Amino acid sequence: MASQVTFIGAGNMASAIIGGMIESGYPRDAITATAPHEDALAPIRERLGIHTSTDNAAAVSEADVVVLAVKPQIMHDVCAGLRDAVQAHKPLILSVAAGLSADTLEAWLGGELAVVRCMPNTPSLVGAGAAGLYANGRVDGDQRRLATELLEAVGLVEWVEEEALLEAVTAVSGSAPAYFFLMFEAMEEAGAKLGLPADTARRLAMQTAFGAARMAMDSDKTPGELKRNVMSPGGTTERAIAHLEDAGLRRIMAEAMDACATRAREMAEELGKR
């Protein structure tokens, strides 16, 4: 029998994970989603055929897994409303909220709980996500496997053994879709200056990024080796790469990702002061 999974929150990320679970064969009748108002639940119930409820406490009363999928800013109040129901049978807690530590969530929910933190990213909405997961010491092997199963429904899953490394995950994958969107913008603008229609440059850039990622994922070669394979001596690619290197692309990326991880740490401290 499938584990009963309740999603607290029915927004985009919850919908993406639920949709992926169903596509992977997870039974619809083992999934419940909640929201404060019925009008937010009707679309997801009609589209995905799952159970829904406006009563968080009742929805978690029989759950084996409770997925916290609400904004970090309201999480304290949400946890306060769940505390008694969660403490009654102690399900696995899986949080996709950024910035809130496992200890903070466990404390807000009354303590002595198995908590998995997940840092997903927005490509999860199209089944191509990348998520970093961390488990506190109360999570057992079966619960870890279940968390992996749920998140693999929308993409790649990587576990980290230190919670602080989720800040690095945020920098490498959580925030990183925006890095590539910026690159697409820049390439579109540059292509237009070279004479291409902007929409043509955009499509070429995005398809090339898709193809490069696919090649890298399917190859046993490192990205550095794949890069060198495209660079003919004295050719066009070699000159473009040399310009990027001379302009400090590696330094810029390192500094940007460090700034991202630093802000993740700051947010964790700010959000935990409740």
C-alpha atoms as a PDB file:
ATOM      1  CA  MET A   1       0.000   0.000   0.000  1.00  0.00           C
ATOM      2  CA  ALA A   2       1.333   3.433  -0.960  1.00  0.00           C
ATOM      3  CA  SER A   3       2.263   5.887   1.755  1.00  0.00           C
ATOM      4  CA  GLN A   4      -0.319   8.618   2.329  1.00  0.00           C
ATOM      5  CA  VAL A   5       1.168  11.990   1.352  1.00  0.00           C
ATOM      6  CA  THR A   6      -0.364  15.329   2.344  1.00  0.00           C
ATOM      7  CA  PHE A   7       0.817  18.574   0.783  1.00  0.00           C
ATOM      8  CA  ILE A   8       0.300  21.658   2.901  1.00  0.00           C
ATOM      9  CA  GLY A   9       0.001  24.187   0.110  1.00  0.00           C
ATOM     10  CA  ALA A  10      -1.279  23.700  -3.425  1.00  0.00           C
ATOM     11  CA  GLY A  11       0.840  26.177  -5.369  1.00  0.00           C
ATOM     12  CA  ASN A  12       3.114  25.669  -8.357  1.00  0.00           C
ATOM     13  CA  MET A  13       5.786  23.555  -6.656  1.00  0.00           C
ATOM     14  CA  ALA A  14       3.286  21.310  -4.900  1.00  0.00           C
ATOM     15  CA  SER A  15       1.345  20.897  -8.148  1.00  0.00           C
ATOM     16  CA  ALA A  16       4.538  20.033 -10.025  1.00  0.00           C
ATOM     17  CA  ILE A  17       5.575  17.358  -7.527  1.00  0.00           C
ATOM     18  CA  ILE A  18       2.070  15.881  -7.382  1.00  0.00           C
ATOM     19  CA  GLY A  19       1.833  15.807 -11.171  1.00  0.00           C
ATOM     20  CA  GLY A  20       5.205  14.067 -11.401  1.00  0.00           C
ATOM     21  CA  MET A  21       4.201  11.530  -8.769  1.00  0.00           C
ATOM     22  CA  ILE A  22       1.045  10.654 -10.675  1.00  0.00           C
ATOM     23  CA  GLU A  23       2.909  10.384 -13.985  1.00  0.00           C
ATOM     24  CA  SER A  24       5.346   8.027 -12.254  1.00  0.00           C
ATOM     25  CA  GLY A  25       2.459   5.805 -11.179  1.00  0.00           C
ATOM     26  CA  TYR A  26       1.803   7.032  -7.640  1.00  0.00           C
ATOM     27  CA  PRO A  27      -1.877   6.405  -6.757  1.00  0.00           C
ATOM     28  CA  ARG A  28      -4.018   9.545  -6.775  1.00  0.00           C
ATOM     29  CA  ASP A  29      -6.063   8.386  -3.806  1.00  0.00           C
ATOM     30  CA  ALA A  30      -2.927   8.415  -1.628  1.00  0.00           C
ATOM     31  CA  ILE A  31      -2.346  12.147  -2.215  1.00  0.00           C
ATOM     32  CA  THR A  32      -4.027  15.102  -0.494  1.00  0.00           C
ATOM     33  CA  ALA A  33      -3.386  18.824  -0.936  1.00  0.00           C
ATOM     34  CA  THR A  34      -4.590  21.645   1.279  1.00  0.00           C
ATOM     35  CA  ALA A  35      -5.119  25.373   0.925  1.00  0.00           C
ATOM     36  CA  PRO A  36      -6.999  27.975   2.979  1.00  0.00           C
ATOM     37  CA  HIS A  37      -9.743  28.450   0.378  1.00  0.00           C
ATOM     38  CA  GLU A  38     -11.678  26.053  -1.824  1.00  0.00           C
ATOM     39  CA  ASP A  39     -11.231  28.171  -4.947  1.00  0.00           C
ATOM     40  CA  ALA A  40      -7.486  27.473  -4.803  1.00  0.00           C
ATOM     41  CA  LEU A  41      -8.104  23.735  -4.541  1.00  0.00           C
ATOM     42  CA  ALA A  42     -10.703  23.175  -7.242  1.00  0.00           C
ATOM     43  CA  PRO A  43      -8.252  23.468 -10.185  1.00  0.00           C
ATOM     44  CA  ILE A  44      -5.717  20.996  -8.771  1.00  0.00           C
ATOM     45  CA  ARG A  45      -8.451  18.549  -7.731  1.00  0.00           C
ATOM     46  CA  GLU A  46     -10.085  18.651 -11.159  1.00  0.00           C
ATOM     47  CA  ARG A  47      -6.811  18.446 -13.072  1.00  0.00           C
ATOM     48  CA  LEU A  48      -5.044  15.791 -11.006  1.00  0.00           C
ATOM     49  CA  GLY A  49      -7.904  13.902  -9.345  1.00  0.00           C
ATOM     50  CA  ILE A  50      -6.451  13.995  -5.824  1.00  0.00           C
ATOM     51  CA  HIS A  51      -8.057  14.603  -2.433  1.00  0.00           C
ATOM     52  CA  THR A  52      -8.170  18.209  -1.218  1.00  0.00           C
ATOM     53  CA  SER A  53      -9.045  19.927   2.035  1.00  0.00           C
ATOM     54  CA  THR A  54      -9.155  23.345   3.649  1.00  0.00           C
ATOM     55  CA  ASP A  55      -8.462  21.757   7.060  1.00  0.00           C
ATOM     56  CA  ASN A  56      -4.702  21.264   7.474  1.00  0.00           C
ATOM     57  CA  ALA A  57      -4.896  19.396  10.766  1.00  0.00           C
ATOM     58  CA  ALA A  58      -7.478  16.911   9.509  1.00  0.00           C
ATOM     59  CA  ALA A  59      -5.521  16.359   6.293  1.00  0.00           C
ATOM     60  CA  VAL A  60      -2.340  15.361   8.119  1.00  0.00           C
ATOM     61  CA  SER A  61      -4.037  13.159  10.705  1.00  0.00           C
ATOM     62  CA  GLU A  62      -3.580  10.018   8.568  1.00  0.00           C
ATOM     63  CA  ALA A  63      -0.541  11.114   6.539  1.00  0.00           C
ATOM     64  CA  ASP A  64       2.701   9.159   6.436  1.00  0.00           C
ATOM     65  CA  VAL A  65       4.434  12.144   4.824  1.00  0.00           C
ATOM     66  CA  VAL A  66       3.600  15.821   5.263  1.00  0.00           C
ATOM     67  CA  VAL A  67       5.070  18.058   2.568  1.00  0.00           C
ATOM     68  CA  LEU A  68       5.376  21.666   3.717  1.00  0.00           C
ATOM     69  CA  ALA A  69       4.966  23.706   0.538  1.00  0.00           C
ATOM     70  CA  VAL A  70       4.011  27.168   1.772  1.00  0.00           C
ATOM     71  CA  LYS A  71       5.992  30.411   1.792  1.00  0.00           C
ATOM     72  CA  PRO A  72       8.675  30.582   4.508  1.00  0.00           C
ATOM     73  CA  GLN A  73       7.178  33.815   5.833  1.00  0.00           C
ATOM     74  CA  ILE A  74       3.944  32.074   6.896  1.00  0.00           C
ATOM     75  CA  MET A  75       5.488  28.756   7.908  1.00  0.00           C
ATOM     76  CA  HIS A  76       5.549  29.513  11.646  1.00  0.00           C
ATOM     77  CA  ASP A  77       1.797  30.054  11.777  1.00  0.00           C
ATOM     78  CA  VAL A  78       1.139  27.030   9.560  1.00  0.00           C
ATOM     79  CA  CYS A  79       3.271  24.815  11.806  1.00  0.00           C
ATOM     80  CA  ALA A  80       1.476  26.095  14.900  1.00  0.00           C
ATOM     81  CA  GLY A  81      -1.798  24.879  13.410  1.00  0.00           C
ATOM     82  CA  LEU A  82      -0.310  21.472  12.553  1.00  0.00           C
ATOM     83  CA  ARG A  83       1.566  20.853  15.779  1.00  0.00           C
ATOM     84  CA  ASP A  84      -0.970  18.749  17.677  1.00  0.00           C
ATOM     85  CA  ALA A  85      -1.955  16.641  14.660  1.00  0.00           C
ATOM     86  CA  VAL A  86       1.670  15.993  13.737  1.00  0.00           C
ATOM     87  CA  GLN A  87       2.668  15.102  17.285  1.00  0.00           C
ATOM     88  CA  ALA A  88      -0.179  12.574  17.487  1.00  0.00           C
ATOM     89  CA  HIS A  89       1.511  10.178  15.032  1.00  0.00           C
ATOM     90  CA  LYS A  90       4.816  11.804  13.937  1.00  0.00           C
ATOM     91  CA  PRO A  91       4.865  11.500  10.124  1.00  0.00           C
ATOM     92  CA  LEU A  92       7.891  12.285   8.001  1.00  0.00           C
ATOM     93  CA  ILE A  93       8.106  16.039   7.455  1.00  0.00           C
ATOM     94  CA  LEU A  94       9.385  17.080   4.011  1.00  0.00           C
ATOM     95  CA  SER A  95       9.913  20.808   3.562  1.00  0.00           C
ATOM     96  CA  VAL A  96      10.416  22.533   0.209  1.00  0.00           C
ATOM     97  CA  ALA A  97      10.525  25.966   1.868  1.00  0.00           C
ATOM     98  CA  ALA A  98      13.787  27.861   1.458  1.00  0.00           C
ATOM     99  CA  GLY A  99      15.772  29.112   4.417  1.00  0.00           C
ATOM    100  CA  LEU A 100      14.129  27.290   7.316  1.00  0.00           C
ATOM    101  CA  SER A 101      16.416  24.808   9.060  1.00  0.00           C
ATOM    102  CA  ALA A 102      15.366  21.314  10.037  1.00  0.00           C
ATOM    103  CA  ASP A 103      15.820  22.224  13.719  1.00  0.00           C
ATOM    104  CA  THR A 104      13.576  25.271  13.328  1.00  0.00           C
ATOM    105  CA  LEU A 105      10.827  23.306  11.609  1.00  0.00           C
ATOM    106  CA  GLU A 106      11.081  20.474  14.119  1.00  0.00           C
ATOM    107  CA  ALA A 107      10.830  22.934  17.028  1.00  0.00           C
ATOM    108  CA  TRP A 108       7.852  24.746  15.521  1.00  0.00           C
ATOM    109  CA  LEU A 109       6.088  21.378  15.094  1.00  0.00           C
ATOM    110  CA  GLY A 110       6.750  20.233  18.656  1.00  0.00           C
ATOM    111  CA  GLY A 111      10.012  18.275  18.389  1.00  0.00           C
ATOM    112  CA  GLU A 112      11.163  14.684  17.945  1.00  0.00           C
ATOM    113  CA  LEU A 113      10.272  14.524  14.256  1.00  0.00           C
ATOM    114  CA  ALA A 114      11.942  13.114  11.169  1.00  0.00           C
ATOM    115  CA  VAL A 115      12.566  16.109   8.898  1.00  0.00           C
ATOM    116  CA  VAL A 116      13.865  16.226   5.333  1.00  0.00           C
ATOM    117  CA  ARG A 117      14.673  19.584   3.814  1.00  0.00           C
ATOM    118  CA  CYS A 118      14.536  19.932   0.050  1.00  0.00           C
ATOM    119  CA  MET A 119      15.935  22.713  -2.121  1.00  0.00           C
ATOM    120  CA  PRO A 120      14.156  22.257  -5.480  1.00  0.00           C
ATOM    121  CA  ASN A 121      14.257  24.582  -8.473  1.00  0.00           C
ATOM    122  CA  THR A 122      11.709  25.933 -10.917  1.00  0.00           C
ATOM    123  CA  PRO A 123      12.440  23.479 -13.783  1.00  0.00           C
ATOM    124  CA  SER A 124      10.632  20.993 -11.525  1.00  0.00           C
ATOM    125  CA  LEU A 125       7.511  22.586 -13.027  1.00  0.00           C
ATOM    126  CA  VAL A 126       8.365  20.895 -16.351  1.00  0.00           C
ATOM    127  CA  GLY A 127       9.719  17.652 -14.888  1.00  0.00           C
ATOM    128  CA  ALA A 128      13.350  18.688 -15.313  1.00  0.00           C
ATOM    129  CA  GLY A 129      14.202  19.820 -11.799  1.00  0.00           C
ATOM    130  CA  ALA A 130      17.284  19.404  -9.669  1.00  0.00           C
ATOM    131  CA  ALA A 131      16.866  19.102  -5.913  1.00  0.00           C
ATOM    132  CA  GLY A 132      19.243  18.891  -2.979  1.00  0.00           C
ATOM    133  CA  LEU A 133      17.966  16.973   0.066  1.00  0.00           C
ATOM    134  CA  TYR A 134      19.117  16.869   3.687  1.00  0.00           C
ATOM    135  CA  ALA A 135      17.789  14.533   6.409  1.00  0.00           C
ATOM    136  CA  ASN A 136      17.991  15.113  10.126  1.00  0.00           C
ATOM    137  CA  GLY A 137      19.091  12.286  12.443  1.00  0.00           C
ATOM    138  CA  ARG A 138      15.553  10.986  12.985  1.00  0.00           C
ATOM    139  CA  VAL A 139      15.001  10.062   9.316  1.00  0.00           C
ATOM    140  CA  ASP A 140      15.318   6.317   8.730  1.00  0.00           C
ATOM    141  CA  GLY A 141      16.299   4.500   5.546  1.00  0.00           C
ATOM    142  CA  ASP A 142      12.739   3.857   4.403  1.00  0.00           C
ATOM    143  CA  GLN A 143      11.813   7.500   4.857  1.00  0.00           C
ATOM    144  CA  ARG A 144      14.902   8.579   2.965  1.00  0.00           C
ATOM    145  CA  ARG A 145      13.979   6.288   0.075  1.00  0.00           C
ATOM    146  CA  LEU A 146      10.420   7.623   0.094  1.00  0.00           C
ATOM    147  CA  ALA A 147      11.620  11.234  -0.034  1.00  0.00           C
ATOM    148  CA  THR A 148      13.876  10.319  -2.950  1.00  0.00           C
ATOM    149  CA  GLU A 149      10.960   8.681  -4.772  1.00  0.00           C
ATOM    150  CA  LEU A 150       8.720  11.723  -4.362  1.00  0.00           C
ATOM    151  CA  LEU A 151      11.296  14.254  -5.556  1.00  0.00           C
ATOM    152  CA  GLU A 152      12.669  12.099  -8.381  1.00  0.00           C
ATOM    153  CA  ALA A 153       9.194  12.374  -9.892  1.00  0.00           C
ATOM    154  CA  VAL A 154      10.161  15.880 -11.044  1.00  0.00           C
ATOM    155  CA  GLY A 155      13.900  15.537 -11.708  1.00  0.00           C
ATOM    156  CA  LEU A 156      17.322  14.808 -10.306  1.00  0.00           C
ATOM    157  CA  VAL A 157      17.841  14.252  -6.559  1.00  0.00           C
ATOM    158  CA  GLU A 158      21.145  14.687  -4.741  1.00  0.00           C
ATOM    159  CA  TRP A 159      21.522  14.161  -0.977  1.00  0.00           C
ATOM    160  CA  VAL A 160      23.899  16.205   1.163  1.00  0.00           C
ATOM    161  CA  GLU A 161      25.053  15.041   4.576  1.00  0.00           C
ATOM    162  CA  GLU A 162      25.521  18.516   6.083  1.00  0.00           C
ATOM    163  CA  GLU A 163      22.583  20.905   6.212  1.00  0.00           C
ATOM    164  CA  ALA A 164      24.807  23.919   5.549  1.00  0.00           C
ATOM    165  CA  LEU A 165      25.539  22.474   2.105  1.00  0.00           C
ATOM    166  CA  LEU A 166      21.963  23.310   1.073  1.00  0.00           C
ATOM    167  CA  GLU A 167      23.238  26.880   0.793  1.00  0.00           C
ATOM    168  CA  ALA A 168      25.675  25.651  -1.852  1.00  0.00           C
ATOM    169  CA  VAL A 169      22.832  23.730  -3.518  1.00  0.00           C
ATOM    170  CA  THR A 170      20.881  26.983  -3.644  1.00  0.00           C
ATOM    171  CA  ALA A 171      23.800  28.626  -5.454  1.00  0.00           C
ATOM    172  CA  VAL A 172      24.441  25.722  -7.851  1.00  0.00           C
ATOM    173  CA  SER A 173      20.871  24.739  -8.759  1.00  0.00           C
ATOM    174  CA  GLY A 174      18.172  26.440  -6.683  1.00  0.00           C
ATOM    175  CA  SER A 175      18.806  29.951  -8.004  1.00  0.00           C
ATOM    176  CA  ALA A 176      20.745  28.872 -11.085  1.00  0.00           C
ATOM    177  CA  PRO A 177      17.887  28.769 -13.633  1.00  0.00           C
ATOM    178  CA  ALA A 178      17.993  32.572 -13.493  1.00  0.00           C
ATOM    179  CA  TYR A 179      21.700  32.523 -14.399  1.00  0.00           C
ATOM    180  CA  PHE A 180      20.852  30.712 -17.630  1.00  0.00           C
ATOM    181  CA  PHE A 181      17.884  32.968 -18.331  1.00  0.00           C
ATOM    182  CA  LEU A 182      20.285  35.919 -18.046  1.00  0.00           C
ATOM    183  CA  MET A 183      22.619  34.197 -20.507  1.00  0.00           C
ATOM    184  CA  PHE A 184      19.722  33.708 -22.926  1.00  0.00           C
ATOM    185  CA  GLU A 185      18.878  37.404 -22.641  1.00  0.00           C
ATOM    186  CA  ALA A 186      22.460  38.402 -23.315  1.00  0.00           C
ATOM    187  CA  MET A 187      22.815  36.025 -26.264  1.00  0.00           C
ATOM    188  CA  GLU A 188      19.535  37.225 -27.746  1.00  0.00           C
ATOM    189  CA  GLU A 189      20.666  40.846 -27.485  1.00  0.00           C
ATOM    190  CA  ALA A 190      24.075  40.053 -28.974  1.00  0.00           C
ATOM    191  CA  GLY A 191      22.521  38.028 -31.784  1.00  0.00           C
ATOM    192  CA  ALA A 192      20.204  40.918 -32.635  1.00  0.00           C
ATOM    193  CA  LYS A 193      23.164  43.309 -32.779  1.00  0.00           C
ATOM    194  CA  LEU A 194      24.795  40.887 -35.226  1.00  0.00           C
ATOM    195  CA  GLY A 195      21.725  41.134 -37.452  1.00  0.00           C
ATOM    196  CA  LEU A 196      19.511  38.178 -36.443  1.00  0.00           C
ATOM    197  CA  PRO A 197      15.832  38.665 -35.619  1.00  0.00           C
ATOM    198  CA  ALA A 198      15.591  38.655 -31.814  1.00  0.00           C
ATOM    199  CA  ASP A 199      13.194  35.702 -31.692  1.00  0.00           C
ATOM    200  CA  THR A 200      15.487  33.678 -33.976  1.00  0.00           C
ATOM    201  CA  ALA A 201      18.486  34.408 -31.746  1.00  0.00           C
ATOM    202  CA  ARG A 202      16.442  33.443 -28.672  1.00  0.00           C
ATOM    203  CA  ARG A 203      15.347  30.103 -30.099  1.00  0.00           C
ATOM    204  CA  LEU A 204      18.857  29.256 -31.292  1.00  0.00           C
ATOM    205  CA  ALA A 205      20.353  30.113 -27.883  1.00  0.00           C
ATOM    206  CA  MET A 206      17.801  28.101 -25.919  1.00  0.00           C
ATOM    207  CA  GLN A 207      18.004  25.051 -28.189  1.00  0.00           C
ATOM    208  CA  THR A 208      21.793  25.161 -28.055  1.00  0.00           C
ATOM    209  CA  ALA A 209      21.717  25.276 -24.250  1.00  0.00           C
ATOM    210  CA  PHE A 210      19.309  22.332 -24.219  1.00  0.00           C
ATOM    211  CA  GLY A 211      21.539  20.383 -26.589  1.00  0.00           C
ATOM    212  CA  ALA A 212      24.719  21.190 -24.659  1.00  0.00           C
ATOM    213  CA  ALA A 213      23.129  20.071 -21.388  1.00  0.00           C
ATOM    214  CA  ARG A 214      21.910  16.861 -23.018  1.00  0.00           C
ATOM    215  CA  MET A 215      25.370  16.142 -24.431  1.00  0.00           C
ATOM    216  CA  ALA A 216      27.024  16.781 -21.086  1.00  0.00           C
ATOM    217  CA  MET A 217      24.567  14.549 -19.217  1.00  0.00           C
ATOM    218  CA  ASP A 218      24.866  11.711 -21.733  1.00  0.00           C
ATOM    219  CA  SER A 219      28.665  11.857 -22.005  1.00  0.00           C
ATOM    220  CA  ASP A 220      31.335  10.336 -19.802  1.00  0.00           C
ATOM    221  CA  LYS A 221      33.563  13.324 -20.584  1.00  0.00           C
ATOM    222  CA  THR A 222      33.924  16.310 -18.249  1.00  0.00           C
ATOM    223  CA  PRO A 223      32.513  19.699 -19.299  1.00  0.00           C
ATOM    224  CA  GLY A 224      36.097  20.857 -19.799  1.00  0.00           C
ATOM    225  CA  GLU A 225      36.778  18.018 -22.231  1.00  0.00           C
ATOM    226  CA  LEU A 226      33.550  18.674 -24.127  1.00  0.00           C
ATOM    227  CA  LYS A 227      34.463  22.356 -24.357  1.00  0.00           C
ATOM    228  CA  ARG A 228      37.878  21.561 -25.781  1.00  0.00           C
ATOM    229  CA  ASN A 229      36.302  19.205 -28.337  1.00  0.00           C
ATOM    230  CA  VAL A 230      34.415  22.173 -29.829  1.00  0.00           C
ATOM    231  CA  MET A 231      37.496  24.425 -29.915  1.00  0.00           C
ATOM    232  CA  SER A 232      39.450  24.076 -33.139  1.00  0.00           C
ATOM    233  CA  PRO A 233      42.915  25.707 -32.886  1.00  0.00           C
ATOM    234  CA  GLY A 234      42.686  29.244 -34.186  1.00  0.00           C
ATOM    235  CA  GLY A 235      38.937  28.901 -34.760  1.00  0.00           C
ATOM    236  CA  THR A 236      35.846  30.857 -33.834  1.00  0.00           C
ATOM    237  CA  THR A 237      35.014  28.986 -30.624  1.00  0.00           C
ATOM    238  CA  GLU A 238      38.554  29.254 -29.305  1.00  0.00           C
ATOM    239  CA  ARG A 239      38.451  33.026 -29.752  1.00  0.00           C
ATOM    240  CA  ALA A 240      35.065  33.352 -28.034  1.00  0.00           C
ATOM    241  CA  ILE A 241      36.151  31.180 -25.086  1.00  0.00           C
ATOM    242  CA  ALA A 242      39.409  33.099 -24.738  1.00  0.00           C
ATOM    243  CA  HIS A 243      37.435  36.323 -24.549  1.00  0.00           C
ATOM    244  CA  LEU A 244      35.136  34.928 -21.853  1.00  0.00           C
ATOM    245  CA  GLU A 245      38.103  33.663 -19.846  1.00  0.00           C
ATOM    246  CA  ASP A 246      39.985  36.974 -20.191  1.00  0.00           C
ATOM    247  CA  ALA A 247      36.852  38.860 -19.102  1.00  0.00           C
ATOM    248  CA  GLY A 248      36.806  36.868 -15.846  1.00  0.00           C
ATOM    249  CA  LEU A 249      33.766  34.653 -16.364  1.00  0.00           C
ATOM    250  CA  ARG A 250      34.963  32.095 -13.801  1.00  0.00           C
ATOM    251  CA  ARG A 251      35.568  34.804 -11.196  1.00  0.00           C
ATOM    252  CA  ILE A 252      32.201  36.417 -11.892  1.00  0.00           C
ATOM    253  CA  MET A 253      30.375  33.101 -11.509  1.00  0.00           C
ATOM    254  CA  ALA A 254      32.234  32.264  -8.303  1.00  0.00           C
ATOM    255  CA  GLU A 255      31.428  35.665  -6.808  1.00  0.00           C
ATOM    256  CA  ALA A 256      27.770  35.485  -7.865  1.00  0.00           C
ATOM    257  CA  MET A 257      27.331  32.017  -6.388  1.00  0.00           C
ATOM    258  CA  ASP A 258      29.081  33.051  -3.180  1.00  0.00           C
ATOM    259  CA  ALA A 259      26.697  36.016  -2.914  1.00  0.00           C
ATOM    260  CA  CYS A 260      23.768  33.644  -3.435  1.00  0.00           C
ATOM    261  CA  ALA A 261      24.947  31.233  -0.723  1.00  0.00           C
ATOM    262  CA  THR A 262      25.609  34.132   1.658  1.00  0.00           C
ATOM    263  CA  ARG A 263      22.088  35.448   1.175  1.00  0.00           C
ATOM    264  CA  ALA A 264      20.709  31.944   1.793  1.00  0.00           C
ATOM    265  CA  ARG A 265      22.524  31.904   5.148  1.00  0.00           C
ATOM    266  CA  GLU A 266      21.196  35.362   6.003  1.00  0.00           C
ATOM    267  CA  MET A 267      17.639  34.355   5.151  1.00  0.00           C
ATOM    268  CA  ALA A 268      17.913  31.255   7.329  1.00  0.00           C
ATOM    269  CA  GLU A 269      18.945  33.415  10.272  1.00  0.00           C
ATOM    270  CA  GLU A 270      16.189  35.961   9.637  1.00  0.00           C
ATOM    271  CA  LEU A 271      13.425  33.403   9.180  1.00  0.00           C
ATOM    272  CA  GLY A 272      14.472  31.337  12.203  1.00  0.00           C
ATOM    273  CA  LYS A 273      14.056  34.252  14.615  1.00  0.00           C
ATOM    274  CA  ARG A 274      10.485  33.474  15.597  1.00  0.00           C
END
